[in-house]
Amino acid sequence: MNITHVYQLFNVPVSSYYYPPVDNQNDVIYRQQLKTIHHDNLKVYGGRRMKVILADDGVELGVFKISRLMKEANIVAKTLKKTTPLSVR
């Protein structure tokens, strides 16, 4: 079976075979910055707070790109659990 037919079968552009995605060198630096910010702030900062901290450092990134980089670096912000009463008297 031809590679063109396989790509058409899965609705994937044939150009993705010839041009593999390239990892941006700045993304590696940004991921490292996100990891240090995450560690320094008790692992509670999410994407929006990370954006503010990075903007203070002079790095202008969007929230969605920061969220994507956080996901790639396996960074998850801690959240509070919703408490429910055990019994009502």
PDB file of N, CA and C in Angstrom:
ATOM      1  N   MET A   1       0.839  -1.174   0.000  1.00  0.00           N
ATOM      2  CA  MET A   1       0.000   0.000   0.000  1.00  0.00           C
ATOM      3  C   MET A   1       0.889   1.243   0.000  1.00  0.00           C
ATOM      4  N   ASN A   2       0.528   2.206  -0.783  1.00  0.00           N
ATOM      5  CA  ASN A   2       1.292   3.434  -0.937  1.00  0.00           C
ATOM      6  C   ASN A   2       1.077   4.340   0.285  1.00  0.00           C
ATOM      7  N   ILE A   3       2.099   5.099   0.664  1.00  0.00           N
ATOM      8  CA  ILE A   3       2.010   5.989   1.829  1.00  0.00           C
ATOM      9  C   ILE A   3       0.955   7.067   1.615  1.00  0.00           C
ATOM     10  N   THR A   4       0.772   7.492   0.366  1.00  0.00           N
ATOM     11  CA  THR A   4      -0.231   8.500   0.056  1.00  0.00           C
ATOM     12  C   THR A   4      -1.627   7.982   0.366  1.00  0.00           C
ATOM     13  N   HIS A   5      -1.883   6.718   0.044  1.00  0.00           N
ATOM     14  CA  HIS A   5      -3.189   6.132   0.305  1.00  0.00           C
ATOM     15  C   HIS A   5      -3.445   5.989   1.807  1.00  0.00           C
ATOM     16  N   VAL A   6      -2.415   5.652   2.547  1.00  0.00           N
ATOM     17  CA  VAL A   6      -2.559   5.509   3.999  1.00  0.00           C
ATOM     18  C   VAL A   6      -2.893   6.857   4.626  1.00  0.00           C
ATOM     19  N   TYR A   7      -2.213   7.900   4.206  1.00  0.00           N
ATOM     20  CA  TYR A   7      -2.463   9.227   4.755  1.00  0.00           C
ATOM     21  C   TYR A   7      -3.845   9.730   4.375  1.00  0.00           C
ATOM     22  N   GLN A   8      -4.292   9.435   3.141  1.00  0.00           N
ATOM     23  CA  GLN A   8      -5.639   9.828   2.733  1.00  0.00           C
ATOM     24  C   GLN A   8      -6.690   9.052   3.511  1.00  0.00           C
ATOM     25  N   LEU A   9      -6.396   7.825   3.854  1.00  0.00           N
ATOM     26  CA  LEU A   9      -7.330   7.000   4.619  1.00  0.00           C
ATOM     27  C   LEU A   9      -7.584   7.596   6.004  1.00  0.00           C
ATOM     28  N   PHE A  10      -6.550   8.167   6.617  1.00  0.00           N
ATOM     29  CA  PHE A  10      -6.680   8.738   7.954  1.00  0.00           C
ATOM     30  C   PHE A  10      -6.878  10.260   7.935  1.00  0.00           C
ATOM     31  N   ASN A  11      -7.110  10.832   6.748  1.00  0.00           N
ATOM     32  CA  ASN A  11      -7.329  12.273   6.583  1.00  0.00           C
ATOM     33  C   ASN A  11      -6.179  13.102   7.168  1.00  0.00           C
ATOM     34  N   VAL A  12      -4.963  12.678   6.897  1.00  0.00           N
ATOM     35  CA  VAL A  12      -3.767  13.377   7.347  1.00  0.00           C
ATOM     36  C   VAL A  12      -3.060  13.916   6.108  1.00  0.00           C
ATOM     37  N   PRO A  13      -2.605  15.174   6.140  1.00  0.00           N
ATOM     38  CA  PRO A  13      -1.892  15.702   4.976  1.00  0.00           C
ATOM     39  C   PRO A  13      -0.597  14.939   4.705  1.00  0.00           C
ATOM     40  N   VAL A  14      -0.318  14.701   3.453  1.00  0.00           N
ATOM     41  CA  VAL A  14       0.882  13.968   3.060  1.00  0.00           C
ATOM     42  C   VAL A  14       2.127  14.772   3.420  1.00  0.00           C
ATOM     43  N   SER A  15       2.000  16.093   3.468  1.00  0.00           N
ATOM     44  CA  SER A  15       3.165  16.930   3.786  1.00  0.00           C
ATOM     45  C   SER A  15       3.676  16.675   5.202  1.00  0.00           C
ATOM     46  N   SER A  16       2.827  16.159   6.089  1.00  0.00           N
ATOM     47  CA  SER A  16       3.292  15.874   7.449  1.00  0.00           C
ATOM     48  C   SER A  16       4.292  14.713   7.459  1.00  0.00           C
ATOM     49  N   TYR A  17       4.285  13.884   6.420  1.00  0.00           N
ATOM     50  CA  TYR A  17       5.269  12.804   6.303  1.00  0.00           C
ATOM     51  C   TYR A  17       6.629  13.374   5.929  1.00  0.00           C
ATOM     52  N   TYR A  18       6.624  14.360   5.046  1.00  0.00           N
ATOM     53  CA  TYR A  18       7.874  14.896   4.538  1.00  0.00           C
ATOM     54  C   TYR A  18       8.464  15.970   5.440  1.00  0.00           C
ATOM     55  N   TYR A  19       7.611  16.654   6.203  1.00  0.00           N
ATOM     56  CA  TYR A  19       8.068  17.740   7.071  1.00  0.00           C
ATOM     57  C   TYR A  19       7.659  17.449   8.513  1.00  0.00           C
ATOM     58  N   PRO A  20       8.487  16.718   9.246  1.00  0.00           N
ATOM     59  CA  PRO A  20       8.136  16.413  10.631  1.00  0.00           C
ATOM     60  C   PRO A  20       8.176  17.678  11.480  1.00  0.00           C
ATOM     61  N   PRO A  21       7.359  17.742  12.545  1.00  0.00           N
ATOM     62  CA  PRO A  21       7.363  18.946  13.385  1.00  0.00           C
ATOM     63  C   PRO A  21       8.704  19.132  14.092  1.00  0.00           C
ATOM     64  N   VAL A  22       9.100  20.375  14.217  1.00  0.00           N
ATOM     65  CA  VAL A  22      10.366  20.719  14.845  1.00  0.00           C
ATOM     66  C   VAL A  22      10.069  21.393  16.184  1.00  0.00           C
ATOM     67  N   ASP A  23      10.761  20.947  17.237  1.00  0.00           N
ATOM     68  CA  ASP A  23      10.585  21.542  18.548  1.00  0.00           C
ATOM     69  C   ASP A  23      11.321  22.871  18.606  1.00  0.00           C
ATOM     70  N   ASN A  24      10.623  23.910  18.996  1.00  0.00           N
ATOM     71  CA  ASN A  24      11.211  25.238  19.079  1.00  0.00           C
ATOM     72  C   ASN A  24      12.202  25.284  20.240  1.00  0.00           C
ATOM     73  N   GLN A  25      13.359  25.863  20.017  1.00  0.00           N
ATOM     74  CA  GLN A  25      14.381  25.941  21.064  1.00  0.00           C
ATOM     75  C   GLN A  25      13.930  26.813  22.224  1.00  0.00           C
ATOM     76  N   ASN A  26      13.127  27.830  21.942  1.00  0.00           N
ATOM     77  CA  ASN A  26      12.638  28.684  23.018  1.00  0.00           C
ATOM     78  C   ASN A  26      11.676  27.926  23.937  1.00  0.00           C
ATOM     79  N   ASP A  27      10.937  26.956  23.391  1.00  0.00           N
ATOM     80  CA  ASP A  27      10.007  26.181  24.211  1.00  0.00           C
ATOM     81  C   ASP A  27      10.740  25.429  25.313  1.00  0.00           C
ATOM     82  N   VAL A  28      11.931  24.960  25.031  1.00  0.00           N
ATOM     83  CA  VAL A  28      12.718  24.250  26.040  1.00  0.00           C
ATOM     84  C   VAL A  28      13.074  25.206  27.180  1.00  0.00           C
ATOM     85  N   ILE A  29      13.452  26.424  26.833  1.00  0.00           N
ATOM     86  CA  ILE A  29      13.787  27.425  27.847  1.00  0.00           C
ATOM     87  C   ILE A  29      12.550  27.805  28.641  1.00  0.00           C
ATOM     88  N   TYR A  30      11.424  27.994  27.938  1.00  0.00           N
ATOM     89  CA  TYR A  30      10.175  28.362  28.610  1.00  0.00           C
ATOM     90  C   TYR A  30       9.711  27.261  29.559  1.00  0.00           C
ATOM     91  N   ARG A  31       9.847  25.996  29.137  1.00  0.00           N
ATOM     92  CA  ARG A  31       9.446  24.889  30.013  1.00  0.00           C
ATOM     93  C   ARG A  31      10.274  24.889  31.296  1.00  0.00           C
ATOM     94  N   GLN A  32      11.571  25.163  31.166  1.00  0.00           N
ATOM     95  CA  GLN A  32      12.431  25.208  32.343  1.00  0.00           C
ATOM     96  C   GLN A  32      12.037  26.359  33.263  1.00  0.00           C
ATOM     97  N   GLN A  33      11.700  27.516  32.678  1.00  0.00           N
ATOM     98  CA  GLN A  33      11.240  28.636  33.491  1.00  0.00           C
ATOM     99  C   GLN A  33       9.939  28.296  34.207  1.00  0.00           C
ATOM    100  N   LEU A  34       9.033  27.626  33.507  1.00  0.00           N
ATOM    101  CA  LEU A  34       7.764  27.242  34.125  1.00  0.00           C
ATOM    102  C   LEU A  34       7.980  26.267  35.281  1.00  0.00           C
ATOM    103  N   LYS A  35       8.925  25.347  35.113  1.00  0.00           N
ATOM    104  CA  LYS A  35       9.211  24.394  36.188  1.00  0.00           C
ATOM    105  C   LYS A  35       9.759  25.097  37.422  1.00  0.00           C
ATOM    106  N   THR A  36      10.649  26.076  37.224  1.00  0.00           N
ATOM    107  CA  THR A  36      11.199  26.779  38.377  1.00  0.00           C
ATOM    108  C   THR A  36      10.143  27.640  39.054  1.00  0.00           C
ATOM    109  N   ILE A  37       9.293  28.311  38.288  1.00  0.00           N
ATOM    110  CA  ILE A  37       8.208  29.104  38.875  1.00  0.00           C
ATOM    111  C   ILE A  37       7.254  28.196  39.634  1.00  0.00           C
ATOM    112  N   HIS A  38       6.942  27.053  39.053  1.00  0.00           N
ATOM    113  CA  HIS A  38       6.028  26.093  39.678  1.00  0.00           C
ATOM    114  C   HIS A  38       6.595  25.598  41.010  1.00  0.00           C
ATOM    115  N   HIS A  39       7.875  25.295  41.011  1.00  0.00           N
ATOM    116  CA  HIS A  39       8.513  24.782  42.228  1.00  0.00           C
ATOM    117  C   HIS A  39       8.643  25.875  43.294  1.00  0.00           C
ATOM    118  N   ASP A  40       8.974  27.094  42.879  1.00  0.00           N
ATOM    119  CA  ASP A  40       9.177  28.189  43.828  1.00  0.00           C
ATOM    120  C   ASP A  40       7.877  28.650  44.490  1.00  0.00           C
ATOM    121  N   ASN A  41       6.742  28.413  43.855  1.00  0.00           N
ATOM    122  CA  ASN A  41       5.463  28.896  44.370  1.00  0.00           C
ATOM    123  C   ASN A  41       4.579  27.764  44.889  1.00  0.00           C
ATOM    124  N   LEU A  42       5.194  26.798  45.516  1.00  0.00           N
ATOM    125  CA  LEU A  42       4.497  25.693  46.196  1.00  0.00           C
ATOM    126  C   LEU A  42       3.586  24.888  45.273  1.00  0.00           C
ATOM    127  N   LYS A  43       3.879  24.895  43.987  1.00  0.00           N
ATOM    128  CA  LYS A  43       3.172  24.106  42.977  1.00  0.00           C
ATOM    129  C   LYS A  43       1.682  24.430  42.891  1.00  0.00           C
ATOM    130  N   VAL A  44       1.311  25.694  43.151  1.00  0.00           N
ATOM    131  CA  VAL A  44      -0.105  26.061  43.106  1.00  0.00           C
ATOM    132  C   VAL A  44      -0.442  26.993  41.939  1.00  0.00           C
ATOM    133  N   TYR A  45       0.542  27.526  41.247  1.00  0.00           N
ATOM    134  CA  TYR A  45       0.259  28.477  40.174  1.00  0.00           C
ATOM    135  C   TYR A  45      -0.193  27.755  38.916  1.00  0.00           C
ATOM    136  N   GLY A  46      -1.286  28.242  38.334  1.00  0.00           N
ATOM    137  CA  GLY A  46      -1.793  27.718  37.078  1.00  0.00           C
ATOM    138  C   GLY A  46      -1.301  28.567  35.910  1.00  0.00           C
ATOM    139  N   GLY A  47      -1.919  28.366  34.769  1.00  0.00           N
ATOM    140  CA  GLY A  47      -1.481  29.047  33.555  1.00  0.00           C
ATOM    141  C   GLY A  47      -1.609  30.554  33.610  1.00  0.00           C
ATOM    142  N   ARG A  48      -2.702  31.052  34.199  1.00  0.00           N
ATOM    143  CA  ARG A  48      -2.916  32.501  34.229  1.00  0.00           C
ATOM    144  C   ARG A  48      -1.917  33.201  35.144  1.00  0.00           C
ATOM    145  N   ARG A  49      -1.650  32.617  36.289  1.00  0.00           N
ATOM    146  CA  ARG A  49      -0.667  33.224  37.187  1.00  0.00           C
ATOM    147  C   ARG A  49       0.736  33.114  36.606  1.00  0.00           C
ATOM    148  N   MET A  50       1.004  31.997  35.928  1.00  0.00           N
ATOM    149  CA  MET A  50       2.309  31.843  35.278  1.00  0.00           C
ATOM    150  C   MET A  50       2.505  32.936  34.231  1.00  0.00           C
ATOM    151  N   LYS A  51       1.427  33.279  33.517  1.00  0.00           N
ATOM    152  CA  LYS A  51       1.510  34.326  32.501  1.00  0.00           C
ATOM    153  C   LYS A  51       1.902  35.652  33.134  1.00  0.00           C
ATOM    154  N   VAL A  52       1.331  35.979  34.303  1.00  0.00           N
ATOM    155  CA  VAL A  52       1.647  37.235  34.979  1.00  0.00           C
ATOM    156  C   VAL A  52       3.109  37.247  35.424  1.00  0.00           C
ATOM    157  N   ILE A  53       3.579  36.142  35.999  1.00  0.00           N
ATOM    158  CA  ILE A  53       4.967  36.068  36.457  1.00  0.00           C
ATOM    159  C   ILE A  53       5.933  36.186  35.272  1.00  0.00           C
ATOM    160  N   LEU A  54       5.628  35.494  34.178  1.00  0.00           N
ATOM    161  CA  LEU A  54       6.498  35.571  33.001  1.00  0.00           C
ATOM    162  C   LEU A  54       6.479  36.970  32.393  1.00  0.00           C
ATOM    163  N   ALA A  55       5.310  37.633  32.410  1.00  0.00           N
ATOM    164  CA  ALA A  55       5.231  38.998  31.882  1.00  0.00           C
ATOM    165  C   ALA A  55       6.068  39.951  32.724  1.00  0.00           C
ATOM    166  N   ASP A  56       6.105  39.717  34.035  1.00  0.00           N
ATOM    167  CA  ASP A  56       6.955  40.539  34.897  1.00  0.00           C
ATOM    168  C   ASP A  56       8.433  40.339  34.576  1.00  0.00           C
ATOM    169  N   ASP A  57       8.784  39.130  34.121  1.00  0.00           N
ATOM    170  CA  ASP A  57      10.165  38.838  33.740  1.00  0.00           C
ATOM    171  C   ASP A  57      10.491  39.273  32.316  1.00  0.00           C
ATOM    172  N   GLY A  58       9.483  39.781  31.587  1.00  0.00           N
ATOM    173  CA  GLY A  58       9.709  40.254  30.223  1.00  0.00           C
ATOM    174  C   GLY A  58       9.422  39.230  29.144  1.00  0.00           C
ATOM    175  N   VAL A  59       8.815  38.111  29.505  1.00  0.00           N
ATOM    176  CA  VAL A  59       8.488  37.068  28.525  1.00  0.00           C
ATOM    177  C   VAL A  59       7.001  37.183  28.195  1.00  0.00           C
ATOM    178  N   GLU A  60       6.694  37.457  26.927  1.00  0.00           N
ATOM    179  CA  GLU A  60       5.307  37.616  26.510  1.00  0.00           C
ATOM    180  C   GLU A  60       4.836  36.342  25.804  1.00  0.00           C
ATOM    181  N   LEU A  61       4.049  35.554  26.521  1.00  0.00           N
ATOM    182  CA  LEU A  61       3.446  34.340  25.966  1.00  0.00           C
ATOM    183  C   LEU A  61       1.958  34.371  26.245  1.00  0.00           C
ATOM    184  N   GLY A  62       1.186  33.690  25.414  1.00  0.00           N
ATOM    185  CA  GLY A  62      -0.248  33.593  25.637  1.00  0.00           C
ATOM    186  C   GLY A  62      -0.583  32.515  26.653  1.00  0.00           C
ATOM    187  N   VAL A  63      -1.793  32.593  27.185  1.00  0.00           N
ATOM    188  CA  VAL A  63      -2.227  31.638  28.202  1.00  0.00           C
ATOM    189  C   VAL A  63      -2.295  30.228  27.626  1.00  0.00           C
ATOM    190  N   PHE A  64      -2.766  30.107  26.386  1.00  0.00           N
ATOM    191  CA  PHE A  64      -2.911  28.778  25.800  1.00  0.00           C
ATOM    192  C   PHE A  64      -1.552  28.137  25.518  1.00  0.00           C
ATOM    193  N   LYS A  65      -0.576  28.941  25.108  1.00  0.00           N
ATOM    194  CA  LYS A  65       0.759  28.388  24.887  1.00  0.00           C
ATOM    195  C   LYS A  65       1.384  27.981  26.213  1.00  0.00           C
ATOM    196  N   ILE A  66       1.172  28.784  27.258  1.00  0.00           N
ATOM    197  CA  ILE A  66       1.680  28.430  28.576  1.00  0.00           C
ATOM    198  C   ILE A  66       1.021  27.146  29.056  1.00  0.00           C
ATOM    199  N   SER A  67      -0.281  27.014  28.841  1.00  0.00           N
ATOM    200  CA  SER A  67      -0.979  25.791  29.245  1.00  0.00           C
ATOM    201  C   SER A  67      -0.453  24.577  28.492  1.00  0.00           C
ATOM    202  N   ARG A  68      -0.170  24.753  27.200  1.00  0.00           N
ATOM    203  CA  ARG A  68       0.372  23.642  26.408  1.00  0.00           C
ATOM    204  C   ARG A  68       1.759  23.253  26.913  1.00  0.00           C
ATOM    205  N   LEU A  69       2.586  24.249  27.195  1.00  0.00           N
ATOM    206  CA  LEU A  69       3.935  23.962  27.695  1.00  0.00           C
ATOM    207  C   LEU A  69       3.874  23.307  29.075  1.00  0.00           C
ATOM    208  N   MET A  70       2.913  23.736  29.903  1.00  0.00           N
ATOM    209  CA  MET A  70       2.757  23.112  31.219  1.00  0.00           C
ATOM    210  C   MET A  70       2.344  21.650  31.066  1.00  0.00           C
ATOM    211  N   LYS A  71       1.463  21.389  30.119  1.00  0.00           N
ATOM    212  CA  LYS A  71       1.025  20.008  29.894  1.00  0.00           C
ATOM    213  C   LYS A  71       2.179  19.151  29.394  1.00  0.00           C
ATOM    214  N   GLU A  72       2.997  19.701  28.502  1.00  0.00           N
ATOM    215  CA  GLU A  72       4.145  18.959  27.991  1.00  0.00           C
ATOM    216  C   GLU A  72       5.170  18.687  29.089  1.00  0.00           C
ATOM    217  N   ALA A  73       5.289  19.598  30.061  1.00  0.00           N
ATOM    218  CA  ALA A  73       6.251  19.442  31.148  1.00  0.00           C
ATOM    219  C   ALA A  73       5.647  18.712  32.350  1.00  0.00           C
ATOM    220  N   ASN A  74       4.418  18.235  32.216  1.00  0.00           N
ATOM    221  CA  ASN A  74       3.703  17.532  33.295  1.00  0.00           C
ATOM    222  C   ASN A  74       3.587  18.399  34.552  1.00  0.00           C
ATOM    223  N   ILE A  75       3.281  19.665  34.366  1.00  0.00           N
ATOM    224  CA  ILE A  75       3.075  20.586  35.481  1.00  0.00           C
ATOM    225  C   ILE A  75       1.577  20.726  35.697  1.00  0.00           C
ATOM    226  N   VAL A  76       1.132  20.392  36.915  1.00  0.00           N
ATOM    227  CA  VAL A  76      -0.282  20.500  37.262  1.00  0.00           C
ATOM    228  C   VAL A  76      -0.374  21.300  38.552  1.00  0.00           C
ATOM    229  N   ALA A  77      -1.225  22.314  38.555  1.00  0.00           N
ATOM    230  CA  ALA A  77      -1.392  23.144  39.741  1.00  0.00           C
ATOM    231  C   ALA A  77      -2.251  22.410  40.767  1.00  0.00           C
ATOM    232  N   LYS A  78      -1.893  22.577  42.034  1.00  0.00           N
ATOM    233  CA  LYS A  78      -2.691  21.999  43.102  1.00  0.00           C
ATOM    234  C   LYS A  78      -3.994  22.782  43.232  1.00  0.00           C
ATOM    235  N   THR A  79      -5.067  22.077  43.537  1.00  0.00           N
ATOM    236  CA  THR A  79      -6.348  22.727  43.767  1.00  0.00           C
ATOM    237  C   THR A  79      -6.926  22.218  45.077  1.00  0.00           C
ATOM    238  N   LEU A  80      -7.789  23.016  45.665  1.00  0.00           N
ATOM    239  CA  LEU A  80      -8.438  22.618  46.903  1.00  0.00           C
ATOM    240  C   LEU A  80      -9.599  21.689  46.606  1.00  0.00           C
ATOM    241  N   LYS A  81      -9.773  20.703  47.456  1.00  0.00           N
ATOM    242  CA  LYS A  81     -10.930  19.829  47.325  1.00  0.00           C
ATOM    243  C   LYS A  81     -12.146  20.524  47.921  1.00  0.00           C
ATOM    244  N   LYS A  82     -13.285  20.276  47.345  1.00  0.00           N
ATOM    245  CA  LYS A  82     -14.506  20.816  47.889  1.00  0.00           C
ATOM    246  C   LYS A  82     -14.891  19.964  49.097  1.00  0.00           C
ATOM    247  N   THR A  83     -15.090  20.603  50.230  1.00  0.00           N
ATOM    248  CA  THR A  83     -15.431  19.855  51.443  1.00  0.00           C
ATOM    249  C   THR A  83     -16.945  19.729  51.565  1.00  0.00           C
ATOM    250  N   THR A  84     -17.367  18.574  52.001  1.00  0.00           N
ATOM    251  CA  THR A  84     -18.782  18.357  52.249  1.00  0.00           C
ATOM    252  C   THR A  84     -18.945  17.906  53.700  1.00  0.00           C
ATOM    253  N   PRO A  85     -19.984  18.362  54.347  1.00  0.00           N
ATOM    254  CA  PRO A  85     -20.181  17.948  55.741  1.00  0.00           C
ATOM    255  C   PRO A  85     -20.502  16.448  55.826  1.00  0.00           C
ATOM    256  N   LEU A  86     -19.997  15.814  56.887  1.00  0.00           N
ATOM    257  CA  LEU A  86     -20.246  14.389  57.050  1.00  0.00           C
ATOM    258  C   LEU A  86     -21.682  14.111  57.485  1.00  0.00           C
ATOM    259  N   SER A  87     -22.196  14.960  58.362  1.00  0.00           N
ATOM    260  CA  SER A  87     -23.577  14.784  58.777  1.00  0.00           C
ATOM    261  C   SER A  87     -24.151  16.141  59.129  1.00  0.00           C
ATOM    262  N   VAL A  88     -25.439  16.246  59.005  1.00  0.00           N
ATOM    263  CA  VAL A  88     -26.125  17.496  59.306  1.00  0.00           C
ATOM    264  C   VAL A  88     -27.012  17.255  60.511  1.00  0.00           C
ATOM    265  N   ARG A  89     -26.819  18.042  61.585  1.00  0.00           N
ATOM    266  CA  ARG A  89     -27.668  17.883  62.774  1.00  0.00           C
ATOM    267  C   ARG A  89     -28.243  19.188  63.174  1.00  0.00           C
TER     268      ARG A  89
END
